[in-house]
Amino acid sequence: MSFLRGRLVNPGAQRVSMDAIAKSLYPDDAPQNCTPVTVEADGNSLSYAASLIANGNQRVAHGELRRPTADELEMHFQYYADLCCERVLQCAQQEGSLSHHAL
């Protein structure tokens, strides 16, 4: 799979569209070579996104990706929780919503 002018080039690859709302929320310090794309929003978004990256199609093997993803998140829960909380605090500080509160 490869990218050509913003489109996936892969047999069976689906057409991918940029998520304009997500792009507008994309932090300035985030990698600029990444583009948020839309996937179905039915509770399987994470596995759809992983399938899209791995196979070029959100519906190919997304079910096979759910269990290993859940296992990874469970085995390393504290790492991901800390990572998420750290990023939320950084964003809040940048926006000034944590002014003088002790962290």
PDB file of N, CA and C in Angstrom:
ATOM      1  N   MET A   1       0.847  -1.172   0.000  1.00  0.00           N
ATOM      2  CA  MET A   1       0.000   0.000   0.000  1.00  0.00           C
ATOM      3  C   MET A   1       0.889   1.230   0.000  1.00  0.00           C
ATOM      4  N   SER A   2       0.516   2.222  -0.760  1.00  0.00           N
ATOM      5  CA  SER A   2       1.254   3.475  -0.780  1.00  0.00           C
ATOM      6  C   SER A   2       0.284   4.621  -1.003  1.00  0.00           C
ATOM      7  N   PHE A   3       0.776   5.830  -0.780  1.00  0.00           N
ATOM      8  CA  PHE A   3      -0.060   7.013  -0.974  1.00  0.00           C
ATOM      9  C   PHE A   3       0.380   7.743  -2.224  1.00  0.00           C
ATOM     10  N   LEU A   4      -0.551   8.211  -2.997  1.00  0.00           N
ATOM     11  CA  LEU A   4      -0.268   8.975  -4.195  1.00  0.00           C
ATOM     12  C   LEU A   4      -1.246  10.139  -4.241  1.00  0.00           C
ATOM     13  N   ARG A   5      -0.747  11.337  -4.052  1.00  0.00           N
ATOM     14  CA  ARG A   5      -1.591  12.534  -4.043  1.00  0.00           C
ATOM     15  C   ARG A   5      -2.789  12.391  -3.110  1.00  0.00           C
ATOM     16  N   GLY A   6      -2.534  11.880  -1.917  1.00  0.00           N
ATOM     17  CA  GLY A   6      -3.579  11.787  -0.917  1.00  0.00           C
ATOM     18  C   GLY A   6      -4.525  10.622  -1.074  1.00  0.00           C
ATOM     19  N   ARG A   7      -4.291   9.749  -2.050  1.00  0.00           N
ATOM     20  CA  ARG A   7      -5.183   8.604  -2.232  1.00  0.00           C
ATOM     21  C   ARG A   7      -4.408   7.316  -2.019  1.00  0.00           C
ATOM     22  N   LEU A   8      -5.049   6.358  -1.410  1.00  0.00           N
ATOM     23  CA  LEU A   8      -4.431   5.055  -1.212  1.00  0.00           C
ATOM     24  C   LEU A   8      -4.329   4.333  -2.540  1.00  0.00           C
ATOM     25  N   VAL A   9      -3.196   3.698  -2.765  1.00  0.00           N
ATOM     26  CA  VAL A   9      -3.013   2.914  -3.976  1.00  0.00           C
ATOM     27  C   VAL A   9      -2.803   1.474  -3.529  1.00  0.00           C
ATOM     28  N   ASN A  10      -3.818   0.683  -3.664  1.00  0.00           N
ATOM     29  CA  ASN A  10      -3.777  -0.696  -3.203  1.00  0.00           C
ATOM     30  C   ASN A  10      -4.988  -1.406  -3.807  1.00  0.00           C
ATOM     31  N   PRO A  11      -4.796  -2.583  -4.370  1.00  0.00           N
ATOM     32  CA  PRO A  11      -5.972  -3.300  -4.876  1.00  0.00           C
ATOM     33  C   PRO A  11      -6.991  -3.493  -3.758  1.00  0.00           C
ATOM     34  N   GLY A  12      -8.200  -3.141  -3.998  1.00  0.00           N
ATOM     35  CA  GLY A  12      -9.255  -3.284  -2.999  1.00  0.00           C
ATOM     36  C   GLY A  12      -9.305  -2.149  -1.998  1.00  0.00           C
ATOM     37  N   ALA A  13      -8.437  -1.158  -2.158  1.00  0.00           N
ATOM     38  CA  ALA A  13      -8.424  -0.039  -1.222  1.00  0.00           C
ATOM     39  C   ALA A  13      -9.671   0.823  -1.427  1.00  0.00           C
ATOM     40  N   GLN A  14     -10.175   1.325  -0.348  1.00  0.00           N
ATOM     41  CA  GLN A  14     -11.344   2.189  -0.440  1.00  0.00           C
ATOM     42  C   GLN A  14     -10.901   3.636  -0.600  1.00  0.00           C
ATOM     43  N   ARG A  15     -11.788   4.441  -1.112  1.00  0.00           N
ATOM     44  CA  ARG A  15     -11.503   5.872  -1.232  1.00  0.00           C
ATOM     45  C   ARG A  15     -11.511   6.453   0.177  1.00  0.00           C
ATOM     46  N   VAL A  16     -10.534   7.266   0.468  1.00  0.00           N
ATOM     47  CA  VAL A  16     -10.375   7.830   1.798  1.00  0.00           C
ATOM     48  C   VAL A  16     -10.594   9.330   1.724  1.00  0.00           C
ATOM     49  N   SER A  17     -11.355   9.847   2.675  1.00  0.00           N
ATOM     50  CA  SER A  17     -11.554  11.295   2.705  1.00  0.00           C
ATOM     51  C   SER A  17     -11.041  11.871   4.019  1.00  0.00           C
ATOM     52  N   MET A  18     -10.501  13.072   3.940  1.00  0.00           N
ATOM     53  CA  MET A  18      -9.975  13.740   5.115  1.00  0.00           C
ATOM     54  C   MET A  18     -11.127  14.163   6.021  1.00  0.00           C
ATOM     55  N   ASP A  19     -10.916  14.044   7.311  1.00  0.00           N
ATOM     56  CA  ASP A  19     -11.887  14.494   8.307  1.00  0.00           C
ATOM     57  C   ASP A  19     -11.581  15.964   8.607  1.00  0.00           C
ATOM     58  N   ALA A  20     -12.335  16.863   8.009  1.00  0.00           N
ATOM     59  CA  ALA A  20     -12.072  18.302   8.116  1.00  0.00           C
ATOM     60  C   ALA A  20     -12.199  18.801   9.557  1.00  0.00           C
ATOM     61  N   ILE A  21     -13.150  18.278  10.307  1.00  0.00           N
ATOM     62  CA  ILE A  21     -13.315  18.713  11.701  1.00  0.00           C
ATOM     63  C   ILE A  21     -12.109  18.288  12.526  1.00  0.00           C
ATOM     64  N   ALA A  22     -11.692  17.036  12.371  1.00  0.00           N
ATOM     65  CA  ALA A  22     -10.520  16.564  13.100  1.00  0.00           C
ATOM     66  C   ALA A  22      -9.275  17.344  12.697  1.00  0.00           C
ATOM     67  N   LYS A  23      -9.149  17.646  11.424  1.00  0.00           N
ATOM     68  CA  LYS A  23      -7.991  18.408  10.943  1.00  0.00           C
ATOM     69  C   LYS A  23      -7.965  19.789  11.578  1.00  0.00           C
ATOM     70  N   SER A  24      -9.129  20.401  11.757  1.00  0.00           N
ATOM     71  CA  SER A  24      -9.183  21.735  12.376  1.00  0.00           C
ATOM     72  C   SER A  24      -8.785  21.687  13.850  1.00  0.00           C
ATOM     73  N   LEU A  25      -8.916  20.523  14.484  1.00  0.00           N
ATOM     74  CA  LEU A  25      -8.555  20.352  15.894  1.00  0.00           C
ATOM     75  C   LEU A  25      -7.145  19.805  16.079  1.00  0.00           C
ATOM     76  N   TYR A  26      -6.477  19.495  14.981  1.00  0.00           N
ATOM     77  CA  TYR A  26      -5.151  18.877  15.012  1.00  0.00           C
ATOM     78  C   TYR A  26      -4.148  19.835  15.648  1.00  0.00           C
ATOM     79  N   PRO A  27      -3.453  19.411  16.699  1.00  0.00           N
ATOM     80  CA  PRO A  27      -2.523  20.309  17.394  1.00  0.00           C
ATOM     81  C   PRO A  27      -1.339  20.712  16.506  1.00  0.00           C
ATOM     82  N   ASP A  28      -0.839  21.915  16.724  1.00  0.00           N
ATOM     83  CA  ASP A  28       0.303  22.407  15.949  1.00  0.00           C
ATOM     84  C   ASP A  28       1.559  21.578  16.159  1.00  0.00           C
ATOM     85  N   ASP A  29       1.697  20.982  17.364  1.00  0.00           N
ATOM     86  CA  ASP A  29       2.918  20.219  17.652  1.00  0.00           C
ATOM     87  C   ASP A  29       2.803  18.747  17.236  1.00  0.00           C
ATOM     88  N   ALA A  30       1.698  18.372  16.634  1.00  0.00           N
ATOM     89  CA  ALA A  30       1.524  16.992  16.162  1.00  0.00           C
ATOM     90  C   ALA A  30       2.262  16.816  14.830  1.00  0.00           C
ATOM     91  N   PRO A  31       2.619  15.568  14.483  1.00  0.00           N
ATOM     92  CA  PRO A  31       3.303  15.334  13.207  1.00  0.00           C
ATOM     93  C   PRO A  31       2.475  15.870  12.041  1.00  0.00           C
ATOM     94  N   GLN A  32       3.090  16.651  11.192  1.00  0.00           N
ATOM     95  CA  GLN A  32       2.372  17.282  10.090  1.00  0.00           C
ATOM     96  C   GLN A  32       2.260  16.392   8.854  1.00  0.00           C
ATOM     97  N   ASN A  33       2.915  15.238   8.877  1.00  0.00           N
ATOM     98  CA  ASN A  33       2.813  14.327   7.735  1.00  0.00           C
ATOM     99  C   ASN A  33       1.670  13.333   7.902  1.00  0.00           C
ATOM    100  N   CYS A  34       0.806  13.577   8.870  1.00  0.00           N
ATOM    101  CA  CYS A  34      -0.360  12.722   9.114  1.00  0.00           C
ATOM    102  C   CYS A  34      -1.632  13.514   8.810  1.00  0.00           C
ATOM    103  N   THR A  35      -2.618  12.824   8.278  1.00  0.00           N
ATOM    104  CA  THR A  35      -3.889  13.457   7.960  1.00  0.00           C
ATOM    105  C   THR A  35      -5.018  12.636   8.566  1.00  0.00           C
ATOM    106  N   PRO A  36      -5.863  13.246   9.388  1.00  0.00           N
ATOM    107  CA  PRO A  36      -7.000  12.503   9.927  1.00  0.00           C
ATOM    108  C   PRO A  36      -7.982  12.161   8.806  1.00  0.00           C
ATOM    109  N   VAL A  37      -8.439  10.930   8.805  1.00  0.00           N
ATOM    110  CA  VAL A  37      -9.391  10.483   7.793  1.00  0.00           C
ATOM    111  C   VAL A  37     -10.657   9.982   8.462  1.00  0.00           C
ATOM    112  N   THR A  38     -11.723   9.904   7.704  1.00  0.00           N
ATOM    113  CA  THR A  38     -12.993   9.452   8.252  1.00  0.00           C
ATOM    114  C   THR A  38     -13.095   7.933   8.194  1.00  0.00           C
ATOM    115  N   VAL A  39     -13.677   7.371   9.228  1.00  0.00           N
ATOM    116  CA  VAL A  39     -14.045   5.957   9.273  1.00  0.00           C
ATOM    117  C   VAL A  39     -15.443   5.893   9.857  1.00  0.00           C
ATOM    118  N   GLU A  40     -16.089   4.760   9.718  1.00  0.00           N
ATOM    119  CA  GLU A  40     -17.441   4.626  10.274  1.00  0.00           C
ATOM    120  C   GLU A  40     -17.415   4.837  11.783  1.00  0.00           C
ATOM    121  N   ALA A  41     -18.457   5.421  12.307  1.00  0.00           N
ATOM    122  CA  ALA A  41     -18.547   5.736  13.730  1.00  0.00           C
ATOM    123  C   ALA A  41     -19.637   4.899  14.377  1.00  0.00           C
ATOM    124  N   ASP A  42     -19.388   3.601  14.481  1.00  0.00           N
ATOM    125  CA  ASP A  42     -20.389   2.716  15.083  1.00  0.00           C
ATOM    126  C   ASP A  42     -19.843   1.969  16.303  1.00  0.00           C
ATOM    127  N   GLY A  43     -18.803   2.526  16.921  1.00  0.00           N
ATOM    128  CA  GLY A  43     -18.207   1.883  18.075  1.00  0.00           C
ATOM    129  C   GLY A  43     -16.978   1.047  17.734  1.00  0.00           C
ATOM    130  N   ASN A  44     -16.688   0.887  16.461  1.00  0.00           N
ATOM    131  CA  ASN A  44     -15.520   0.121  16.029  1.00  0.00           C
ATOM    132  C   ASN A  44     -14.485   0.998  15.343  1.00  0.00           C
ATOM    133  N   SER A  45     -14.515   2.286  15.598  1.00  0.00           N
ATOM    134  CA  SER A  45     -13.649   3.235  14.888  1.00  0.00           C
ATOM    135  C   SER A  45     -12.172   2.897  14.994  1.00  0.00           C
ATOM    136  N   LEU A  46     -11.720   2.500  16.171  1.00  0.00           N
ATOM    137  CA  LEU A  46     -10.302   2.188  16.348  1.00  0.00           C
ATOM    138  C   LEU A  46      -9.888   1.011  15.475  1.00  0.00           C
ATOM    139  N   SER A  47     -10.681  -0.053  15.476  1.00  0.00           N
ATOM    140  CA  SER A  47     -10.321  -1.212  14.654  1.00  0.00           C
ATOM    141  C   SER A  47     -10.510  -0.909  13.168  1.00  0.00           C
ATOM    142  N   TYR A  48     -11.482  -0.062  12.815  1.00  0.00           N
ATOM    143  CA  TYR A  48     -11.636   0.345  11.415  1.00  0.00           C
ATOM    144  C   TYR A  48     -10.408   1.127  10.957  1.00  0.00           C
ATOM    145  N   ALA A  49      -9.939   2.044  11.798  1.00  0.00           N
ATOM    146  CA  ALA A  49      -8.772   2.850  11.447  1.00  0.00           C
ATOM    147  C   ALA A  49      -7.535   1.970  11.295  1.00  0.00           C
ATOM    148  N   ALA A  50      -7.358   1.019  12.208  1.00  0.00           N
ATOM    149  CA  ALA A  50      -6.211   0.104  12.112  1.00  0.00           C
ATOM    150  C   ALA A  50      -6.299  -0.741  10.850  1.00  0.00           C
ATOM    151  N   SER A  51      -7.484  -1.200  10.521  1.00  0.00           N
ATOM    152  CA  SER A  51      -7.669  -1.993   9.307  1.00  0.00           C
ATOM    153  C   SER A  51      -7.400  -1.148   8.064  1.00  0.00           C
ATOM    154  N   LEU A  52      -7.812   0.107   8.104  1.00  0.00           N
ATOM    155  CA  LEU A  52      -7.563   1.009   6.985  1.00  0.00           C
ATOM    156  C   LEU A  52      -6.064   1.193   6.765  1.00  0.00           C
ATOM    157  N   ILE A  53      -5.326   1.358   7.851  1.00  0.00           N
ATOM    158  CA  ILE A  53      -3.874   1.502   7.750  1.00  0.00           C
ATOM    159  C   ILE A  53      -3.234   0.210   7.252  1.00  0.00           C
ATOM    160  N   ALA A  54      -3.640  -0.909   7.808  1.00  0.00           N
ATOM    161  CA  ALA A  54      -3.009  -2.191   7.479  1.00  0.00           C
ATOM    162  C   ALA A  54      -3.410  -2.737   6.113  1.00  0.00           C
ATOM    163  N   ASN A  55      -4.667  -2.535   5.724  1.00  0.00           N
ATOM    164  CA  ASN A  55      -5.189  -3.191   4.525  1.00  0.00           C
ATOM    165  C   ASN A  55      -5.715  -2.265   3.449  1.00  0.00           C
ATOM    166  N   GLY A  56      -5.832  -0.977   3.767  1.00  0.00           N
ATOM    167  CA  GLY A  56      -6.384  -0.044   2.795  1.00  0.00           C
ATOM    168  C   GLY A  56      -7.900  -0.052   2.743  1.00  0.00           C
ATOM    169  N   ASN A  57      -8.515  -0.812   3.651  1.00  0.00           N
ATOM    170  CA  ASN A  57      -9.968  -0.899   3.686  1.00  0.00           C
ATOM    171  C   ASN A  57     -10.381  -1.101   5.136  1.00  0.00           C
ATOM    172  N   GLN A  58     -11.299  -0.275   5.623  1.00  0.00           N
ATOM    173  CA  GLN A  58     -11.672  -0.361   7.038  1.00  0.00           C
ATOM    174  C   GLN A  58     -12.444  -1.630   7.385  1.00  0.00           C
ATOM    175  N   ARG A  59     -13.008  -2.297   6.405  1.00  0.00           N
ATOM    176  CA  ARG A  59     -13.817  -3.487   6.670  1.00  0.00           C
ATOM    177  C   ARG A  59     -13.036  -4.799   6.556  1.00  0.00           C
ATOM    178  N   VAL A  60     -11.803  -4.754   6.035  1.00  0.00           N
ATOM    179  CA  VAL A  60     -11.012  -5.972   5.879  1.00  0.00           C
ATOM    180  C   VAL A  60     -10.294  -6.257   7.199  1.00  0.00           C
ATOM    181  N   ALA A  61     -10.623  -7.338   7.823  1.00  0.00           N
ATOM    182  CA  ALA A  61      -9.952  -7.821   9.041  1.00  0.00           C
ATOM    183  C   ALA A  61     -10.094  -6.926  10.258  1.00  0.00           C
ATOM    184  N   HIS A  62     -11.049  -5.999  10.258  1.00  0.00           N
ATOM    185  CA  HIS A  62     -11.180  -5.159  11.456  1.00  0.00           C
ATOM    186  C   HIS A  62     -11.564  -5.996  12.674  1.00  0.00           C
ATOM    187  N   GLY A  63     -12.341  -7.033  12.465  1.00  0.00           N
ATOM    188  CA  GLY A  63     -12.729  -7.897  13.578  1.00  0.00           C
ATOM    189  C   GLY A  63     -11.544  -8.619  14.199  1.00  0.00           C
ATOM    190  N   GLU A  64     -10.580  -8.964  13.373  1.00  0.00           N
ATOM    191  CA  GLU A  64      -9.379  -9.651  13.863  1.00  0.00           C
ATOM    192  C   GLU A  64      -8.484  -8.717  14.663  1.00  0.00           C
ATOM    193  N   LEU A  65      -8.658  -7.429  14.512  1.00  0.00           N
ATOM    194  CA  LEU A  65      -7.814  -6.458  15.197  1.00  0.00           C
ATOM    195  C   LEU A  65      -8.363  -6.042  16.558  1.00  0.00           C
ATOM    196  N   ARG A  66      -9.643  -6.293  16.802  1.00  0.00           N
ATOM    197  CA  ARG A  66     -10.244  -5.850  18.062  1.00  0.00           C
ATOM    198  C   ARG A  66      -9.648  -6.541  19.282  1.00  0.00           C
ATOM    199  N   ARG A  67      -9.530  -7.859  19.246  1.00  0.00           N
ATOM    200  CA  ARG A  67      -9.026  -8.592  20.413  1.00  0.00           C
ATOM    201  C   ARG A  67      -7.589  -8.218  20.756  1.00  0.00           C
ATOM    202  N   PRO A  68      -6.646  -8.230  19.787  1.00  0.00           N
ATOM    203  CA  PRO A  68      -5.279  -7.842  20.145  1.00  0.00           C
ATOM    204  C   PRO A  68      -5.179  -6.396  20.637  1.00  0.00           C
ATOM    205  N   THR A  69      -6.016  -5.518  20.099  1.00  0.00           N
ATOM    206  CA  THR A  69      -6.003  -4.123  20.544  1.00  0.00           C
ATOM    207  C   THR A  69      -6.492  -4.030  21.985  1.00  0.00           C
ATOM    208  N   ALA A  70      -7.561  -4.725  22.299  1.00  0.00           N
ATOM    209  CA  ALA A  70      -8.079  -4.738  23.670  1.00  0.00           C
ATOM    210  C   ALA A  70      -7.053  -5.336  24.626  1.00  0.00           C
ATOM    211  N   ASP A  71      -6.389  -6.402  24.207  1.00  0.00           N
ATOM    212  CA  ASP A  71      -5.345  -7.017  25.042  1.00  0.00           C
ATOM    213  C   ASP A  71      -4.210  -6.038  25.315  1.00  0.00           C
ATOM    214  N   GLU A  72      -3.770  -5.341  24.269  1.00  0.00           N
ATOM    215  CA  GLU A  72      -2.693  -4.354  24.416  1.00  0.00           C
ATOM    216  C   GLU A  72      -3.088  -3.258  25.398  1.00  0.00           C
ATOM    217  N   LEU A  73      -4.288  -2.724  25.235  1.00  0.00           N
ATOM    218  CA  LEU A  73      -4.749  -1.667  26.124  1.00  0.00           C
ATOM    219  C   LEU A  73      -4.879  -2.152  27.569  1.00  0.00           C
ATOM    220  N   GLU A  74      -5.323  -3.392  27.734  1.00  0.00           N
ATOM    221  CA  GLU A  74      -5.463  -3.948  29.082  1.00  0.00           C
ATOM    222  C   GLU A  74      -4.103  -4.209  29.726  1.00  0.00           C
ATOM    223  N   MET A  75      -3.180  -4.801  28.965  1.00  0.00           N
ATOM    224  CA  MET A  75      -1.859  -5.134  29.519  1.00  0.00           C
ATOM    225  C   MET A  75      -1.057  -3.886  29.880  1.00  0.00           C
ATOM    226  N   HIS A  76      -1.276  -2.802  29.165  1.00  0.00           N
ATOM    227  CA  HIS A  76      -0.497  -1.580  29.386  1.00  0.00           C
ATOM    228  C   HIS A  76      -1.406  -0.404  29.723  1.00  0.00           C
ATOM    229  N   PHE A  77      -2.434  -0.697  30.505  1.00  0.00           N
ATOM    230  CA  PHE A  77      -3.443   0.296  30.842  1.00  0.00           C
ATOM    231  C   PHE A  77      -2.834   1.564  31.423  1.00  0.00           C
ATOM    232  N   GLN A  78      -1.968   1.429  32.411  1.00  0.00           N
ATOM    233  CA  GLN A  78      -1.421   2.602  33.097  1.00  0.00           C
ATOM    234  C   GLN A  78      -0.626   3.487  32.149  1.00  0.00           C
ATOM    235  N   TYR A  79       0.127   2.874  31.258  1.00  0.00           N
ATOM    236  CA  TYR A  79       0.901   3.643  30.276  1.00  0.00           C
ATOM    237  C   TYR A  79      -0.031   4.511  29.425  1.00  0.00           C
ATOM    238  N   TYR A  80      -1.073   3.905  28.863  1.00  0.00           N
ATOM    239  CA  TYR A  80      -1.988   4.650  28.002  1.00  0.00           C
ATOM    240  C   TYR A  80      -2.802   5.674  28.785  1.00  0.00           C
ATOM    241  N   ALA A  81      -3.168   5.345  30.015  1.00  0.00           N
ATOM    242  CA  ALA A  81      -3.910   6.294  30.848  1.00  0.00           C
ATOM    243  C   ALA A  81      -3.043   7.506  31.154  1.00  0.00           C
ATOM    244  N   ASP A  82      -1.778   7.268  31.519  1.00  0.00           N
ATOM    245  CA  ASP A  82      -0.864   8.371  31.802  1.00  0.00           C
ATOM    246  C   ASP A  82      -0.626   9.222  30.559  1.00  0.00           C
ATOM    247  N   LEU A  83      -0.454   8.569  29.437  1.00  0.00           N
ATOM    248  CA  LEU A  83      -0.212   9.273  28.179  1.00  0.00           C
ATOM    249  C   LEU A  83      -1.391  10.177  27.823  1.00  0.00           C
ATOM    250  N   CYS A  84      -2.579   9.637  27.961  1.00  0.00           N
ATOM    251  CA  CYS A  84      -3.791  10.393  27.654  1.00  0.00           C
ATOM    252  C   CYS A  84      -3.945  11.575  28.611  1.00  0.00           C
ATOM    253  N   CYS A  85      -3.786  11.324  29.902  1.00  0.00           N
ATOM    254  CA  CYS A  85      -3.946  12.387  30.899  1.00  0.00           C
ATOM    255  C   CYS A  85      -2.907  13.477  30.703  1.00  0.00           C
ATOM    256  N   GLU A  86      -1.677  13.082  30.381  1.00  0.00           N
ATOM    257  CA  GLU A  86      -0.613  14.059  30.150  1.00  0.00           C
ATOM    258  C   GLU A  86      -0.975  14.982  28.987  1.00  0.00           C
ATOM    259  N   ARG A  87      -1.485  14.414  27.918  1.00  0.00           N
ATOM    260  CA  ARG A  87      -1.846  15.207  26.736  1.00  0.00           C
ATOM    261  C   ARG A  87      -3.032  16.132  27.040  1.00  0.00           C
ATOM    262  N   VAL A  88      -4.004  15.651  27.779  1.00  0.00           N
ATOM    263  CA  VAL A  88      -5.158  16.478  28.142  1.00  0.00           C
ATOM    264  C   VAL A  88      -4.700  17.652  29.002  1.00  0.00           C
ATOM    265  N   LEU A  89      -3.815  17.396  29.954  1.00  0.00           N
ATOM    266  CA  LEU A  89      -3.310  18.472  30.808  1.00  0.00           C
ATOM    267  C   LEU A  89      -2.513  19.496  30.002  1.00  0.00           C
ATOM    268  N   GLN A  90      -1.699  19.022  29.060  1.00  0.00           N
ATOM    269  CA  GLN A  90      -0.935  19.945  28.215  1.00  0.00           C
ATOM    270  C   GLN A  90      -1.873  20.858  27.438  1.00  0.00           C
ATOM    271  N   CYS A  91      -2.898  20.275  26.856  1.00  0.00           N
ATOM    272  CA  CYS A  91      -3.858  21.071  26.081  1.00  0.00           C
ATOM    273  C   CYS A  91      -4.571  22.083  26.965  1.00  0.00           C
ATOM    274  N   ALA A  92      -4.969  21.652  28.149  1.00  0.00           N
ATOM    275  CA  ALA A  92      -5.672  22.541  29.069  1.00  0.00           C
ATOM    276  C   ALA A  92      -4.767  23.692  29.509  1.00  0.00           C
ATOM    277  N   GLN A  93      -3.500  23.404  29.756  1.00  0.00           N
ATOM    278  CA  GLN A  93      -2.559  24.451  30.153  1.00  0.00           C
ATOM    279  C   GLN A  93      -2.352  25.443  29.020  1.00  0.00           C
ATOM    280  N   GLN A  94      -2.235  24.955  27.806  1.00  0.00           N
ATOM    281  CA  GLN A  94      -2.040  25.829  26.646  1.00  0.00           C
ATOM    282  C   GLN A  94      -3.236  26.753  26.448  1.00  0.00           C
ATOM    283  N   GLU A  95      -4.421  26.244  26.736  1.00  0.00           N
ATOM    284  CA  GLU A  95      -5.630  27.044  26.574  1.00  0.00           C
ATOM    285  C   GLU A  95      -5.867  27.971  27.763  1.00  0.00           C
ATOM    286  N   GLY A  96      -5.064  27.800  28.825  1.00  0.00           N
ATOM    287  CA  GLY A  96      -5.202  28.646  29.998  1.00  0.00           C
ATOM    288  C   GLY A  96      -6.308  28.234  30.938  1.00  0.00           C
ATOM    289  N   SER A  97      -6.869  27.050  30.736  1.00  0.00           N
ATOM    290  CA  SER A  97      -7.982  26.642  31.590  1.00  0.00           C
ATOM    291  C   SER A  97      -7.518  26.026  32.908  1.00  0.00           C
ATOM    292  N   LEU A  98      -6.200  25.895  33.108  1.00  0.00           N
ATOM    293  CA  LEU A  98      -5.691  25.379  34.390  1.00  0.00           C
ATOM    294  C   LEU A  98      -4.913  26.459  35.141  1.00  0.00           C
ATOM    295  N   SER A  99      -5.008  27.676  34.728  1.00  0.00           N
ATOM    296  CA  SER A  99      -4.303  28.840  35.261  1.00  0.00           C
ATOM    297  C   SER A  99      -3.335  28.548  36.413  1.00  0.00           C
ATOM    298  N   HIS A 100      -3.755  28.638  37.634  1.00  0.00           N
ATOM    299  CA  HIS A 100      -2.849  28.513  38.779  1.00  0.00           C
ATOM    300  C   HIS A 100      -3.066  27.211  39.574  1.00  0.00           C
ATOM    301  N   HIS A 101      -3.841  26.288  39.090  1.00  0.00           N
ATOM    302  CA  HIS A 101      -4.086  25.052  39.810  1.00  0.00           C
ATOM    303  C   HIS A 101      -2.816  24.215  39.883  1.00  0.00           C
ATOM    304  N   ALA A 102      -2.583  23.592  41.010  1.00  0.00           N
ATOM    305  CA  ALA A 102      -1.432  22.700  41.164  1.00  0.00           C
ATOM    306  C   ALA A 102      -1.717  21.399  40.438  1.00  0.00           C
ATOM    307  N   LEU A 103      -0.741  20.890  39.750  1.00  0.00           N
ATOM    308  CA  LEU A 103      -0.885  19.630  39.031  1.00  0.00           C
ATOM    309  C   LEU A 103      -0.186  18.529  39.780  1.00  0.00           C
TER     310      LEU A 103
END
